[in-house]
Amino acid sequence: MRKNQHVTPHTGGGFQVKGAGNTRATKVFNTQREAIAYGREIAKNQQSELVIHNLKGRIREKNSYGNDPYPPRG
């Protein structure tokens, strides 16, 4: 089952990687950079999307690693 991976601030400090719809974090990191690298690997393996949130919880970036329904034109 493919779940989008979200990198969000963790309530206890640091950042967490969390599968969409999950109540618990997959893993917690001290830095956002570490969380993004881990989340990217999961998203690539599952061919899903990585959604990166800022400190206020708003989406700042999305990266798709699967079959993109809206590929770039060029």
N, C-alpha and C. Protein backbone atom coordinates (compact mmCIF):
# COMPACT_ATOMS: atom_id res chain seq x y z
N MET A 1 0.84 -1.18 0.00
CA MET A 1 0.00 0.00 0.00
C MET A 1 0.89 1.25 0.00
N ARG A 2 0.63 2.13 -0.92
CA ARG A 2 1.44 3.35 -1.04
C ARG A 2 0.84 4.46 -0.18
N LYS A 3 1.66 4.97 0.71
CA LYS A 3 1.23 6.09 1.55
C LYS A 3 2.17 7.25 1.30
N ASN A 4 1.61 8.42 1.13
CA ASN A 4 2.45 9.60 1.05
C ASN A 4 3.15 9.78 2.39
N GLN A 5 4.38 10.25 2.33
CA GLN A 5 5.18 10.46 3.53
C GLN A 5 5.22 11.94 3.85
N HIS A 6 4.99 12.29 5.11
CA HIS A 6 4.98 13.68 5.54
C HIS A 6 6.11 13.93 6.51
N VAL A 7 6.87 15.01 6.28
CA VAL A 7 7.90 15.45 7.21
C VAL A 7 7.31 16.66 7.94
N THR A 8 7.10 16.50 9.25
CA THR A 8 6.45 17.53 10.04
C THR A 8 7.22 17.77 11.33
N PRO A 9 7.01 18.93 11.97
CA PRO A 9 7.61 19.14 13.29
C PRO A 9 7.05 18.12 14.29
N HIS A 10 7.90 17.65 15.19
CA HIS A 10 7.47 16.70 16.22
C HIS A 10 7.19 17.47 17.50
N THR A 11 6.13 17.08 18.21
CA THR A 11 5.75 17.82 19.43
C THR A 11 6.82 17.78 20.51
N GLY A 12 7.62 16.73 20.55
CA GLY A 12 8.68 16.62 21.54
C GLY A 12 9.98 17.27 21.11
N GLY A 13 9.96 17.94 19.96
CA GLY A 13 11.17 18.55 19.42
C GLY A 13 11.67 17.76 18.23
N GLY A 14 12.33 18.42 17.33
CA GLY A 14 12.85 17.78 16.14
C GLY A 14 11.78 17.65 15.06
N PHE A 15 11.98 16.71 14.16
CA PHE A 15 11.07 16.49 13.04
C PHE A 15 10.76 15.01 12.93
N GLN A 16 9.58 14.72 12.40
CA GLN A 16 9.16 13.33 12.25
C GLN A 16 8.79 13.02 10.82
N VAL A 17 8.92 11.74 10.47
CA VAL A 17 8.42 11.23 9.20
C VAL A 17 7.21 10.39 9.55
N LYS A 18 6.11 10.67 8.87
CA LYS A 18 4.85 10.03 9.21
C LYS A 18 4.12 9.66 7.93
N GLY A 19 3.65 8.43 7.83
CA GLY A 19 2.84 8.01 6.70
C GLY A 19 1.47 8.65 6.76
N ALA A 20 0.90 8.99 5.61
CA ALA A 20 -0.41 9.63 5.57
C ALA A 20 -1.43 8.76 6.28
N GLY A 21 -2.19 9.36 7.19
CA GLY A 21 -3.23 8.66 7.93
C GLY A 21 -2.74 7.96 9.19
N ASN A 22 -1.43 7.87 9.39
CA ASN A 22 -0.90 7.23 10.59
C ASN A 22 -1.00 8.17 11.78
N THR A 23 -1.22 7.60 12.96
CA THR A 23 -1.27 8.42 14.17
C THR A 23 0.11 8.55 14.81
N ARG A 24 0.98 7.57 14.57
CA ARG A 24 2.32 7.61 15.15
C ARG A 24 3.37 7.87 14.09
N ALA A 25 4.46 8.49 14.50
CA ALA A 25 5.57 8.77 13.60
C ALA A 25 6.30 7.48 13.25
N THR A 26 6.78 7.40 12.01
CA THR A 26 7.61 6.27 11.60
C THR A 26 8.96 6.38 12.29
N LYS A 27 9.50 7.61 12.33
CA LYS A 27 10.79 7.86 12.96
C LYS A 27 10.92 9.35 13.26
N VAL A 28 11.63 9.69 14.34
CA VAL A 28 11.83 11.08 14.76
C VAL A 28 13.31 11.42 14.62
N PHE A 29 13.60 12.63 14.14
CA PHE A 29 14.97 13.09 13.90
C PHE A 29 15.22 14.42 14.58
N ASN A 30 16.48 14.73 14.80
CA ASN A 30 16.85 16.02 15.39
C ASN A 30 16.72 17.16 14.39
N THR A 31 17.01 16.87 13.12
CA THR A 31 16.97 17.93 12.10
C THR A 31 15.98 17.59 10.99
N GLN A 32 15.49 18.64 10.34
CA GLN A 32 14.58 18.45 9.22
C GLN A 32 15.31 17.79 8.05
N ARG A 33 16.57 18.12 7.87
CA ARG A 33 17.37 17.56 6.78
C ARG A 33 17.42 16.03 6.87
N GLU A 34 17.66 15.51 8.08
CA GLU A 34 17.71 14.06 8.28
C GLU A 34 16.34 13.43 8.00
N ALA A 35 15.28 14.09 8.46
CA ALA A 35 13.92 13.58 8.25
C ALA A 35 13.57 13.56 6.77
N ILE A 36 13.97 14.59 6.03
CA ILE A 36 13.68 14.65 4.60
C ILE A 36 14.40 13.52 3.86
N ALA A 37 15.66 13.28 4.20
CA ALA A 37 16.42 12.22 3.54
C ALA A 37 15.77 10.85 3.79
N TYR A 38 15.34 10.60 5.01
CA TYR A 38 14.70 9.33 5.35
C TYR A 38 13.34 9.21 4.66
N GLY A 39 12.55 10.28 4.71
CA GLY A 39 11.24 10.27 4.06
C GLY A 39 11.34 10.10 2.55
N ARG A 40 12.37 10.69 1.94
CA ARG A 40 12.59 10.56 0.50
C ARG A 40 12.85 9.11 0.12
N GLU A 41 13.65 8.40 0.91
CA GLU A 41 13.94 7.00 0.63
C GLU A 41 12.67 6.15 0.71
N ILE A 42 11.84 6.39 1.71
CA ILE A 42 10.58 5.65 1.83
C ILE A 42 9.68 5.95 0.64
N ALA A 43 9.56 7.23 0.28
CA ALA A 43 8.70 7.63 -0.84
C ALA A 43 9.18 7.00 -2.15
N LYS A 44 10.49 6.95 -2.35
CA LYS A 44 11.03 6.32 -3.56
C LYS A 44 10.71 4.83 -3.58
N ASN A 45 10.90 4.16 -2.45
CA ASN A 45 10.64 2.72 -2.37
C ASN A 45 9.16 2.40 -2.60
N GLN A 46 8.28 3.26 -2.10
CA GLN A 46 6.85 3.03 -2.23
C GLN A 46 6.26 3.70 -3.47
N GLN A 47 7.07 4.42 -4.21
CA GLN A 47 6.62 5.19 -5.37
C GLN A 47 5.44 6.08 -4.98
N SER A 48 5.66 6.87 -3.95
CA SER A 48 4.62 7.77 -3.45
C SER A 48 5.14 9.20 -3.43
N GLU A 49 4.51 10.04 -2.67
CA GLU A 49 4.87 11.46 -2.64
C GLU A 49 5.45 11.82 -1.28
N LEU A 50 6.42 12.72 -1.28
CA LEU A 50 6.99 13.26 -0.06
C LEU A 50 6.46 14.66 0.12
N VAL A 51 5.85 14.93 1.26
CA VAL A 51 5.27 16.24 1.56
C VAL A 51 6.05 16.82 2.73
N ILE A 52 6.68 17.97 2.51
CA ILE A 52 7.51 18.61 3.54
C ILE A 52 6.76 19.81 4.10
N HIS A 53 6.61 19.84 5.43
CA HIS A 53 5.90 20.92 6.11
C HIS A 53 6.91 21.84 6.81
N ASN A 54 6.55 23.12 6.94
CA ASN A 54 7.42 24.05 7.66
C ASN A 54 7.12 23.97 9.16
N LEU A 55 7.76 24.83 9.94
CA LEU A 55 7.60 24.79 11.40
C LEU A 55 6.17 25.06 11.86
N LYS A 56 5.39 25.77 11.06
CA LYS A 56 4.00 26.06 11.43
C LYS A 56 3.05 24.99 10.92
N GLY A 57 3.58 23.97 10.26
CA GLY A 57 2.76 22.87 9.79
C GLY A 57 2.21 23.04 8.38
N ARG A 58 2.50 24.15 7.73
CA ARG A 58 2.02 24.38 6.37
C ARG A 58 2.94 23.70 5.37
N ILE A 59 2.36 23.21 4.28
CA ILE A 59 3.14 22.53 3.25
C ILE A 59 4.06 23.53 2.56
N ARG A 60 5.35 23.19 2.51
CA ARG A 60 6.30 24.08 1.84
C ARG A 60 6.82 23.49 0.54
N GLU A 61 6.71 22.15 0.41
CA GLU A 61 7.25 21.50 -0.79
C GLU A 61 6.64 20.10 -0.92
N LYS A 62 6.48 19.67 -2.18
CA LYS A 62 6.02 18.31 -2.48
C LYS A 62 6.91 17.73 -3.57
N ASN A 63 7.23 16.45 -3.42
CA ASN A 63 8.02 15.75 -4.43
C ASN A 63 7.37 14.41 -4.69
N SER A 64 7.13 14.10 -5.97
CA SER A 64 6.50 12.86 -6.35
C SER A 64 7.55 11.88 -6.85
N TYR A 65 7.52 10.66 -6.34
CA TYR A 65 8.48 9.63 -6.74
C TYR A 65 7.79 8.42 -7.37
N GLY A 66 6.55 8.60 -7.80
CA GLY A 66 5.83 7.49 -8.42
C GLY A 66 5.35 7.88 -9.79
N ASN A 67 4.28 7.26 -10.22
CA ASN A 67 3.67 7.60 -11.49
C ASN A 67 2.90 8.90 -11.31
N ASP A 68 3.44 9.98 -11.81
CA ASP A 68 2.84 11.29 -11.65
C ASP A 68 1.66 11.43 -12.63
N PRO A 69 0.43 11.66 -12.10
CA PRO A 69 -0.72 11.80 -13.00
C PRO A 69 -0.65 13.08 -13.82
N TYR A 70 0.17 14.03 -13.41
CA TYR A 70 0.31 15.29 -14.13
C TYR A 70 1.79 15.57 -14.41
N PRO A 71 2.41 14.78 -15.31
CA PRO A 71 3.84 14.98 -15.58
C PRO A 71 4.09 16.34 -16.22
N PRO A 72 5.29 16.89 -16.01
CA PRO A 72 5.61 18.19 -16.61
C PRO A 72 5.63 18.12 -18.13
N ARG A 73 5.20 19.17 -18.74
CA ARG A 73 5.21 19.24 -20.20
C ARG A 73 6.53 19.83 -20.66
N GLY A 74 7.00 19.37 -21.77
CA GLY A 74 8.25 19.95 -22.21
C GLY A 74 8.69 19.52 -23.49
